[in-house]
Amino acid sequence: MSTGPVASLALSPAQRSEIRRIVDAAVPGARVWVFGSRAAGRARPFSDVDLLLQTRQPLAWDEWAALEDAFEQSDLPFRVDVVERRGLPPDFLQRVEREKVLL
């Protein structure tokens, strides 16, 4: 697992801050990692952002809805996809664990 560098995510400081603000508002205390093309250094300017969340309790439906709505209403110029660590298939989780970068 990588915890950095955040600079490799192809996100501006303002974009990182906005993502963090949205997650913190909907799911206070969640740990957030980026995985996928942005974490692997293969992102293009408008590549989506894949987020992995780790929370104490499984996310409730209203928390998922709040996250989705907030990201859709944001000015971020890309799609944000969110998955929760628990419940991921083991082979997918292994890949995510190898490439994730703490946000």
N, C-alpha and C. Protein backbone atom coordinates (compact mmCIF):
# COMPACT_ATOMS: atom_id res chain seq x y z
N MET A 1 0.84 -1.18 0.00
CA MET A 1 0.00 0.00 0.00
C MET A 1 0.87 1.23 0.00
N SER A 2 0.44 2.20 -0.74
CA SER A 2 1.13 3.47 -0.78
C SER A 2 0.35 4.49 0.03
N THR A 3 1.05 5.33 0.74
CA THR A 3 0.39 6.44 1.43
C THR A 3 0.75 7.74 0.75
N GLY A 4 1.44 7.70 -0.33
CA GLY A 4 1.81 8.91 -1.06
C GLY A 4 2.56 8.51 -2.28
N PRO A 5 2.99 9.41 -3.07
CA PRO A 5 2.76 10.83 -2.86
C PRO A 5 1.41 11.25 -3.42
N VAL A 6 0.76 12.13 -2.70
CA VAL A 6 -0.52 12.65 -3.14
C VAL A 6 -0.37 13.38 -4.46
N ALA A 7 0.81 13.94 -4.73
CA ALA A 7 1.04 14.67 -5.97
C ALA A 7 0.82 13.79 -7.20
N SER A 8 1.00 12.50 -7.06
CA SER A 8 0.85 11.59 -8.20
C SER A 8 -0.61 11.36 -8.59
N LEU A 9 -1.54 11.90 -7.85
CA LEU A 9 -2.96 11.64 -8.10
C LEU A 9 -3.55 12.49 -9.21
N ALA A 10 -2.80 13.42 -9.74
CA ALA A 10 -3.30 14.33 -10.79
C ALA A 10 -4.54 15.07 -10.32
N LEU A 11 -4.49 15.53 -9.06
CA LEU A 11 -5.55 16.34 -8.48
C LEU A 11 -4.93 17.62 -7.93
N SER A 12 -5.58 18.73 -8.16
CA SER A 12 -5.09 19.98 -7.59
C SER A 12 -5.35 19.99 -6.09
N PRO A 13 -4.66 20.84 -5.34
CA PRO A 13 -4.96 20.95 -3.91
C PRO A 13 -6.43 21.29 -3.65
N ALA A 14 -7.01 22.14 -4.49
CA ALA A 14 -8.43 22.49 -4.32
C ALA A 14 -9.33 21.29 -4.56
N GLN A 15 -9.01 20.47 -5.55
CA GLN A 15 -9.81 19.27 -5.83
C GLN A 15 -9.69 18.27 -4.69
N ARG A 16 -8.48 18.07 -4.18
CA ARG A 16 -8.30 17.15 -3.04
C ARG A 16 -9.10 17.65 -1.84
N SER A 17 -9.03 18.95 -1.60
CA SER A 17 -9.75 19.53 -0.48
C SER A 17 -11.26 19.37 -0.64
N GLU A 18 -11.77 19.57 -1.85
CA GLU A 18 -13.21 19.44 -2.10
C GLU A 18 -13.67 17.99 -1.91
N ILE A 19 -12.90 17.04 -2.40
CA ILE A 19 -13.24 15.63 -2.20
C ILE A 19 -13.29 15.31 -0.72
N ARG A 20 -12.28 15.75 0.01
CA ARG A 20 -12.21 15.48 1.45
C ARG A 20 -13.38 16.14 2.18
N ARG A 21 -13.71 17.37 1.79
CA ARG A 21 -14.81 18.10 2.43
C ARG A 21 -16.14 17.35 2.23
N ILE A 22 -16.37 16.88 1.02
CA ILE A 22 -17.61 16.16 0.72
C ILE A 22 -17.69 14.87 1.52
N VAL A 23 -16.61 14.11 1.56
CA VAL A 23 -16.62 12.86 2.33
C VAL A 23 -16.81 13.14 3.81
N ASP A 24 -16.07 14.13 4.34
CA ASP A 24 -16.18 14.44 5.77
C ASP A 24 -17.58 14.89 6.16
N ALA A 25 -18.25 15.62 5.27
CA ALA A 25 -19.61 16.08 5.57
C ALA A 25 -20.60 14.92 5.60
N ALA A 26 -20.44 13.97 4.70
CA ALA A 26 -21.38 12.85 4.61
C ALA A 26 -21.04 11.71 5.55
N VAL A 27 -19.73 11.48 5.74
CA VAL A 27 -19.27 10.32 6.53
C VAL A 27 -18.12 10.77 7.43
N PRO A 28 -18.42 11.49 8.51
CA PRO A 28 -17.34 11.97 9.38
C PRO A 28 -16.49 10.81 9.90
N GLY A 29 -15.18 11.03 9.90
CA GLY A 29 -14.26 10.04 10.43
C GLY A 29 -13.84 8.95 9.47
N ALA A 30 -14.34 8.97 8.25
CA ALA A 30 -13.96 7.94 7.28
C ALA A 30 -12.51 8.12 6.85
N ARG A 31 -11.82 7.01 6.68
CA ARG A 31 -10.49 7.05 6.05
C ARG A 31 -10.73 6.92 4.56
N VAL A 32 -9.97 7.70 3.78
CA VAL A 32 -10.22 7.79 2.34
C VAL A 32 -8.93 7.56 1.58
N TRP A 33 -8.98 6.64 0.62
CA TRP A 33 -7.86 6.39 -0.28
C TRP A 33 -8.33 6.55 -1.71
N VAL A 34 -7.40 6.92 -2.56
CA VAL A 34 -7.64 6.93 -4.01
C VAL A 34 -7.00 5.68 -4.57
N PHE A 35 -7.68 5.03 -5.51
CA PHE A 35 -7.09 3.88 -6.20
C PHE A 35 -7.42 4.01 -7.67
N GLY A 36 -7.02 3.06 -8.46
CA GLY A 36 -7.31 3.10 -9.88
C GLY A 36 -6.28 3.91 -10.65
N SER A 37 -6.70 4.46 -11.78
CA SER A 37 -5.75 5.11 -12.69
C SER A 37 -5.05 6.30 -12.04
N ARG A 38 -5.73 7.03 -11.19
CA ARG A 38 -5.07 8.19 -10.55
C ARG A 38 -4.00 7.75 -9.56
N ALA A 39 -4.25 6.70 -8.82
CA ALA A 39 -3.25 6.21 -7.87
C ALA A 39 -2.09 5.54 -8.59
N ALA A 40 -2.36 4.96 -9.74
CA ALA A 40 -1.33 4.24 -10.50
C ALA A 40 -0.54 5.15 -11.43
N GLY A 41 -0.89 6.44 -11.47
CA GLY A 41 -0.17 7.37 -12.33
C GLY A 41 -0.55 7.30 -13.79
N ARG A 42 -1.72 6.74 -14.09
CA ARG A 42 -2.17 6.60 -15.48
C ARG A 42 -3.34 7.52 -15.81
N ALA A 43 -3.59 8.50 -14.96
CA ALA A 43 -4.78 9.34 -15.14
C ALA A 43 -4.61 10.32 -16.28
N ARG A 44 -5.72 10.59 -16.92
CA ARG A 44 -5.82 11.66 -17.90
C ARG A 44 -6.53 12.82 -17.20
N PRO A 45 -6.57 14.00 -17.81
CA PRO A 45 -7.15 15.15 -17.11
C PRO A 45 -8.56 14.93 -16.56
N PHE A 46 -9.40 14.21 -17.28
CA PHE A 46 -10.77 14.03 -16.82
C PHE A 46 -11.07 12.60 -16.40
N SER A 47 -10.03 11.84 -16.07
CA SER A 47 -10.24 10.48 -15.55
C SER A 47 -11.06 10.55 -14.27
N ASP A 48 -11.88 9.53 -14.07
CA ASP A 48 -12.65 9.50 -12.83
C ASP A 48 -11.72 9.31 -11.65
N VAL A 49 -12.27 9.56 -10.47
CA VAL A 49 -11.54 9.35 -9.22
C VAL A 49 -12.23 8.19 -8.51
N ASP A 50 -11.46 7.16 -8.21
CA ASP A 50 -11.98 6.00 -7.49
C ASP A 50 -11.57 6.13 -6.03
N LEU A 51 -12.56 6.16 -5.14
CA LEU A 51 -12.30 6.30 -3.71
C LEU A 51 -12.64 5.03 -2.97
N LEU A 52 -11.79 4.67 -2.05
CA LEU A 52 -12.03 3.56 -1.13
C LEU A 52 -12.25 4.17 0.25
N LEU A 53 -13.38 3.85 0.87
CA LEU A 53 -13.68 4.35 2.21
C LEU A 53 -13.56 3.22 3.22
N GLN A 54 -13.02 3.57 4.38
CA GLN A 54 -13.03 2.65 5.51
C GLN A 54 -13.71 3.38 6.65
N THR A 55 -14.78 2.78 7.15
CA THR A 55 -15.57 3.38 8.21
C THR A 55 -15.74 2.39 9.35
N ARG A 56 -16.15 2.90 10.50
CA ARG A 56 -16.36 2.00 11.64
C ARG A 56 -17.58 1.11 11.44
N GLN A 57 -18.61 1.69 10.86
CA GLN A 57 -19.86 0.97 10.61
C GLN A 57 -20.14 0.98 9.11
N PRO A 58 -20.84 -0.02 8.60
CA PRO A 58 -21.23 0.04 7.19
C PRO A 58 -22.03 1.31 6.91
N LEU A 59 -21.82 1.87 5.74
CA LEU A 59 -22.55 3.08 5.38
C LEU A 59 -24.04 2.78 5.23
N ALA A 60 -24.83 3.68 5.77
CA ALA A 60 -26.28 3.58 5.62
C ALA A 60 -26.68 4.11 4.25
N TRP A 61 -27.87 3.77 3.83
CA TRP A 61 -28.36 4.21 2.52
C TRP A 61 -28.31 5.73 2.39
N ASP A 62 -28.71 6.45 3.45
CA ASP A 62 -28.73 7.91 3.37
C ASP A 62 -27.32 8.49 3.26
N GLU A 63 -26.33 7.83 3.84
CA GLU A 63 -24.94 8.30 3.69
C GLU A 63 -24.46 8.11 2.25
N TRP A 64 -24.79 6.95 1.66
CA TRP A 64 -24.45 6.73 0.25
C TRP A 64 -25.12 7.78 -0.63
N ALA A 65 -26.39 8.03 -0.37
CA ALA A 65 -27.14 9.01 -1.17
C ALA A 65 -26.55 10.41 -1.02
N ALA A 66 -26.17 10.78 0.20
CA ALA A 66 -25.59 12.10 0.43
C ALA A 66 -24.26 12.24 -0.30
N LEU A 67 -23.44 11.20 -0.27
CA LEU A 67 -22.16 11.23 -0.99
C LEU A 67 -22.39 11.39 -2.49
N GLU A 68 -23.24 10.55 -3.04
CA GLU A 68 -23.50 10.59 -4.48
C GLU A 68 -24.03 11.95 -4.90
N ASP A 69 -24.99 12.47 -4.15
CA ASP A 69 -25.58 13.77 -4.48
C ASP A 69 -24.55 14.88 -4.38
N ALA A 70 -23.75 14.88 -3.33
CA ALA A 70 -22.75 15.93 -3.15
C ALA A 70 -21.72 15.91 -4.26
N PHE A 71 -21.27 14.74 -4.67
CA PHE A 71 -20.30 14.68 -5.76
C PHE A 71 -20.94 15.11 -7.08
N GLU A 72 -22.18 14.74 -7.31
CA GLU A 72 -22.86 15.15 -8.54
C GLU A 72 -23.09 16.66 -8.59
N GLN A 73 -23.35 17.28 -7.45
CA GLN A 73 -23.61 18.71 -7.38
C GLN A 73 -22.32 19.54 -7.32
N SER A 74 -21.20 18.91 -7.09
CA SER A 74 -19.93 19.64 -6.96
C SER A 74 -19.47 20.17 -8.32
N ASP A 75 -18.48 21.04 -8.26
CA ASP A 75 -17.88 21.58 -9.49
C ASP A 75 -16.68 20.76 -9.95
N LEU A 76 -16.48 19.60 -9.35
CA LEU A 76 -15.36 18.76 -9.77
C LEU A 76 -15.56 18.36 -11.23
N PRO A 77 -14.50 18.46 -12.05
CA PRO A 77 -14.65 18.21 -13.49
C PRO A 77 -14.52 16.74 -13.88
N PHE A 78 -14.81 15.85 -12.96
CA PHE A 78 -14.69 14.42 -13.22
C PHE A 78 -15.68 13.68 -12.33
N ARG A 79 -15.94 12.46 -12.70
CA ARG A 79 -16.82 11.59 -11.92
C ARG A 79 -16.03 11.04 -10.72
N VAL A 80 -16.73 10.86 -9.61
CA VAL A 80 -16.13 10.26 -8.42
C VAL A 80 -16.92 8.99 -8.10
N ASP A 81 -16.22 7.86 -8.10
CA ASP A 81 -16.83 6.58 -7.75
C ASP A 81 -16.33 6.17 -6.37
N VAL A 82 -17.25 5.75 -5.53
CA VAL A 82 -16.92 5.43 -4.14
C VAL A 82 -17.27 3.97 -3.86
N VAL A 83 -16.33 3.26 -3.23
CA VAL A 83 -16.60 1.91 -2.74
C VAL A 83 -16.21 1.85 -1.28
N GLU A 84 -16.84 0.95 -0.58
CA GLU A 84 -16.53 0.73 0.83
C GLU A 84 -15.66 -0.52 0.94
N ARG A 85 -14.66 -0.45 1.79
CA ARG A 85 -13.70 -1.55 1.90
C ARG A 85 -14.38 -2.87 2.21
N ARG A 86 -15.26 -2.85 3.19
CA ARG A 86 -15.92 -4.11 3.58
C ARG A 86 -16.83 -4.58 2.45
N GLY A 87 -16.80 -5.84 2.21
CA GLY A 87 -17.67 -6.41 1.20
C GLY A 87 -17.08 -6.49 -0.20
N LEU A 88 -15.87 -5.93 -0.39
CA LEU A 88 -15.26 -6.04 -1.72
C LEU A 88 -14.79 -7.47 -1.95
N PRO A 89 -14.90 -7.97 -3.16
CA PRO A 89 -14.37 -9.31 -3.45
C PRO A 89 -12.87 -9.36 -3.15
N PRO A 90 -12.37 -10.45 -2.58
CA PRO A 90 -10.97 -10.54 -2.18
C PRO A 90 -9.96 -10.21 -3.28
N ASP A 91 -10.19 -10.67 -4.50
CA ASP A 91 -9.22 -10.39 -5.56
C ASP A 91 -9.20 -8.91 -5.92
N PHE A 92 -10.36 -8.26 -5.92
CA PHE A 92 -10.42 -6.83 -6.20
C PHE A 92 -9.78 -6.05 -5.05
N LEU A 93 -10.06 -6.45 -3.82
CA LEU A 93 -9.49 -5.78 -2.65
C LEU A 93 -7.96 -5.86 -2.67
N GLN A 94 -7.42 -7.01 -3.08
CA GLN A 94 -5.96 -7.14 -3.17
C GLN A 94 -5.37 -6.11 -4.14
N ARG A 95 -6.00 -5.94 -5.28
CA ARG A 95 -5.52 -4.96 -6.26
C ARG A 95 -5.61 -3.55 -5.69
N VAL A 96 -6.72 -3.24 -5.06
CA VAL A 96 -6.91 -1.92 -4.47
C VAL A 96 -5.86 -1.67 -3.40
N GLU A 97 -5.62 -2.65 -2.55
CA GLU A 97 -4.63 -2.50 -1.47
C GLU A 97 -3.23 -2.22 -2.02
N ARG A 98 -2.90 -2.81 -3.15
CA ARG A 98 -1.57 -2.60 -3.74
C ARG A 98 -1.38 -1.18 -4.26
N GLU A 99 -2.44 -0.58 -4.78
CA GLU A 99 -2.26 0.70 -5.46
C GLU A 99 -2.82 1.91 -4.72
N LYS A 100 -3.52 1.72 -3.63
CA LYS A 100 -4.19 2.84 -2.98
C LYS A 100 -3.21 3.87 -2.42
N VAL A 101 -3.67 5.13 -2.44
CA VAL A 101 -2.91 6.26 -1.92
C VAL A 101 -3.84 7.01 -0.97
N LEU A 102 -3.39 7.23 0.25
CA LEU A 102 -4.19 7.93 1.25
C LEU A 102 -4.44 9.37 0.81
N LEU A 103 -5.69 9.80 0.89
CA LEU A 103 -6.03 11.16 0.49
C LEU A 103 -5.89 12.08 1.68
